[in-house]
Amino acid sequence: MARKLLKIKIHGHVQGVGFRFEAMQKARELRLVGFARNERDHTVYIEAQGDRENLEKFLHWCEFHGPRFAEVTKVESKFTNDFKNYQTFRAVY
């Protein structure tokens, strides 16, 4: 199955609630690589790379589940064919 890169920007109350850490756990569970980081505009930006099916599961998790205290109001996402040489998934500080 072809690998894809998924770029995600998550809006709402998503910083200070463990979003990056839980996204890292979920991504690793789905065998995805990449990173999650807090942005200055109070969003969380994620790049996740892996097979399309697992990326779609991860995107669904970001949109509808996420950490218990997160309040996601909007999710922007884009699949690309770009390839990054990520070795694991990590939370960037």
C-alpha atoms as a PDB file:
ATOM      1  CA  MET A   1       0.000   0.000   0.000  1.00  0.00           C
ATOM      2  CA  ALA A   2       1.325   3.442  -0.900  1.00  0.00           C
ATOM      3  CA  ARG A   3       2.531   5.669   1.890  1.00  0.00           C
ATOM      4  CA  LYS A   4       1.045   9.140   2.205  1.00  0.00           C
ATOM      5  CA  LEU A   5       1.778  12.210   4.265  1.00  0.00           C
ATOM      6  CA  LEU A   6      -1.120  13.800   6.118  1.00  0.00           C
ATOM      7  CA  LYS A   7      -0.850  17.405   7.302  1.00  0.00           C
ATOM      8  CA  ILE A   8      -3.346  18.377   9.999  1.00  0.00           C
ATOM      9  CA  LYS A   9      -4.090  21.664  11.767  1.00  0.00           C
ATOM     10  CA  ILE A  10      -6.391  21.340  14.765  1.00  0.00           C
ATOM     11  CA  HIS A  11      -8.270  24.352  16.149  1.00  0.00           C
ATOM     12  CA  GLY A  12     -10.064  24.813  19.451  1.00  0.00           C
ATOM     13  CA  HIS A  13      -9.019  24.211  23.040  1.00  0.00           C
ATOM     14  CA  VAL A  14      -6.212  21.822  22.057  1.00  0.00           C
ATOM     15  CA  GLN A  15      -3.157  23.084  23.933  1.00  0.00           C
ATOM     16  CA  GLY A  16      -2.549  22.240  27.572  1.00  0.00           C
ATOM     17  CA  VAL A  17      -4.803  19.182  27.408  1.00  0.00           C
ATOM     18  CA  GLY A  18      -2.302  16.513  26.344  1.00  0.00           C
ATOM     19  CA  PHE A  19      -3.189  16.564  22.663  1.00  0.00           C
ATOM     20  CA  ARG A  20       0.381  16.131  21.407  1.00  0.00           C
ATOM     21  CA  PHE A  21       1.133  13.293  23.811  1.00  0.00           C
ATOM     22  CA  GLU A  22      -2.082  11.384  23.082  1.00  0.00           C
ATOM     23  CA  ALA A  23      -1.681  11.985  19.334  1.00  0.00           C
ATOM     24  CA  MET A  24       1.806  10.495  19.605  1.00  0.00           C
ATOM     25  CA  GLN A  25       0.425   7.416  21.370  1.00  0.00           C
ATOM     26  CA  LYS A  26      -2.357   6.964  18.794  1.00  0.00           C
ATOM     27  CA  ALA A  27       0.008   7.484  15.856  1.00  0.00           C
ATOM     28  CA  ARG A  28       2.451   4.912  17.201  1.00  0.00           C
ATOM     29  CA  GLU A  29      -0.426   2.472  17.763  1.00  0.00           C
ATOM     30  CA  LEU A  30      -1.333   2.916  14.072  1.00  0.00           C
ATOM     31  CA  ARG A  31       2.329   2.570  12.986  1.00  0.00           C
ATOM     32  CA  LEU A  32       2.553   6.157  11.760  1.00  0.00           C
ATOM     33  CA  VAL A  33       5.625   8.367  11.876  1.00  0.00           C
ATOM     34  CA  GLY A  34       5.892  12.167  12.062  1.00  0.00           C
ATOM     35  CA  PHE A  35       5.319  14.778  14.745  1.00  0.00           C
ATOM     36  CA  ALA A  36       2.795  16.913  16.625  1.00  0.00           C
ATOM     37  CA  ARG A  37       3.598  20.414  17.861  1.00  0.00           C
ATOM     38  CA  ASN A  38       1.872  23.393  19.427  1.00  0.00           C
ATOM     39  CA  GLU A  39       1.711  26.490  17.239  1.00  0.00           C
ATOM     40  CA  ARG A  40       1.792  30.139  18.313  1.00  0.00           C
ATOM     41  CA  ASP A  41      -1.801  30.596  17.083  1.00  0.00           C
ATOM     42  CA  HIS A  42      -2.953  28.059  19.756  1.00  0.00           C
ATOM     43  CA  THR A  43      -3.520  25.250  17.249  1.00  0.00           C
ATOM     44  CA  VAL A  44      -1.810  21.875  17.085  1.00  0.00           C
ATOM     45  CA  TYR A  45      -0.006  21.036  13.842  1.00  0.00           C
ATOM     46  CA  ILE A  46       0.611  17.407  12.930  1.00  0.00           C
ATOM     47  CA  GLU A  47       2.436  15.678  10.105  1.00  0.00           C
ATOM     48  CA  ALA A  48       1.756  11.951  10.024  1.00  0.00           C
ATOM     49  CA  GLN A  49       3.082   9.515   7.460  1.00  0.00           C
ATOM     50  CA  GLY A  50       1.977   5.951   6.796  1.00  0.00           C
ATOM     51  CA  ASP A  51      -0.555   3.955   4.845  1.00  0.00           C
ATOM     52  CA  ARG A  52      -3.759   5.720   3.836  1.00  0.00           C
ATOM     53  CA  GLU A  53      -6.094   3.523   5.884  1.00  0.00           C
ATOM     54  CA  ASN A  54      -4.250   4.185   9.150  1.00  0.00           C
ATOM     55  CA  LEU A  55      -3.935   7.890   8.334  1.00  0.00           C
ATOM     56  CA  GLU A  56      -7.713   8.074   7.909  1.00  0.00           C
ATOM     57  CA  LYS A  57      -8.194   6.360  11.286  1.00  0.00           C
ATOM     58  CA  PHE A  58      -5.784   8.845  12.845  1.00  0.00           C
ATOM     59  CA  LEU A  59      -7.583  11.810  11.263  1.00  0.00           C
ATOM     60  CA  HIS A  60     -10.911  10.513  12.585  1.00  0.00           C
ATOM     61  CA  TRP A  61      -9.363  10.240  16.062  1.00  0.00           C
ATOM     62  CA  CYS A  62      -8.138  13.857  15.831  1.00  0.00           C
ATOM     63  CA  GLU A  63     -11.559  15.094  14.708  1.00  0.00           C
ATOM     64  CA  PHE A  64     -13.859  13.148  17.021  1.00  0.00           C
ATOM     65  CA  HIS A  65     -11.905  11.721  19.958  1.00  0.00           C
ATOM     66  CA  GLY A  66      -8.609  13.229  21.038  1.00  0.00           C
ATOM     67  CA  PRO A  67      -7.808  13.873  24.685  1.00  0.00           C
ATOM     68  CA  ARG A  68     -10.626  13.988  27.210  1.00  0.00           C
ATOM     69  CA  PHE A  69     -10.422  17.735  27.883  1.00  0.00           C
ATOM     70  CA  ALA A  70      -9.791  18.861  24.295  1.00  0.00           C
ATOM     71  CA  GLU A  71     -12.495  20.825  22.484  1.00  0.00           C
ATOM     72  CA  VAL A  72     -11.857  20.562  18.754  1.00  0.00           C
ATOM     73  CA  THR A  73     -13.744  23.207  16.771  1.00  0.00           C
ATOM     74  CA  LYS A  74     -12.156  22.768  13.345  1.00  0.00           C
ATOM     75  CA  VAL A  75      -9.724  20.426  11.602  1.00  0.00           C
ATOM     76  CA  GLU A  76      -7.916  21.276   8.390  1.00  0.00           C
ATOM     77  CA  SER A  77      -6.238  18.348   6.657  1.00  0.00           C
ATOM     78  CA  LYS A  78      -4.442  17.539   3.433  1.00  0.00           C
ATOM     79  CA  PHE A  79      -3.073  14.262   2.056  1.00  0.00           C
ATOM     80  CA  THR A  80       0.072  14.554  -0.048  1.00  0.00           C
ATOM     81  CA  ASN A  81       2.498  12.229  -1.787  1.00  0.00           C
ATOM     82  CA  ASP A  82       5.453  14.015  -0.187  1.00  0.00           C
ATOM     83  CA  PHE A  83       7.892  11.716   1.563  1.00  0.00           C
ATOM     84  CA  LYS A  84       9.679  12.694   4.754  1.00  0.00           C
ATOM     85  CA  ASN A  85      12.327  10.549   6.375  1.00  0.00           C
ATOM     86  CA  TYR A  86      10.645  10.315   9.787  1.00  0.00           C
ATOM     87  CA  GLN A  87      11.838   7.417  11.953  1.00  0.00           C
ATOM     88  CA  THR A  88       9.165   7.555  14.659  1.00  0.00           C
ATOM     89  CA  PHE A  89       6.302   9.759  15.819  1.00  0.00           C
ATOM     90  CA  ARG A  90       7.144  12.342  18.457  1.00  0.00           C
ATOM     91  CA  ALA A  91       5.708  15.316  20.270  1.00  0.00           C
ATOM     92  CA  VAL A  92       7.749  18.412  19.440  1.00  0.00           C
ATOM     93  CA  TYR A  93       8.199  21.091  22.097  1.00  0.00           C
END
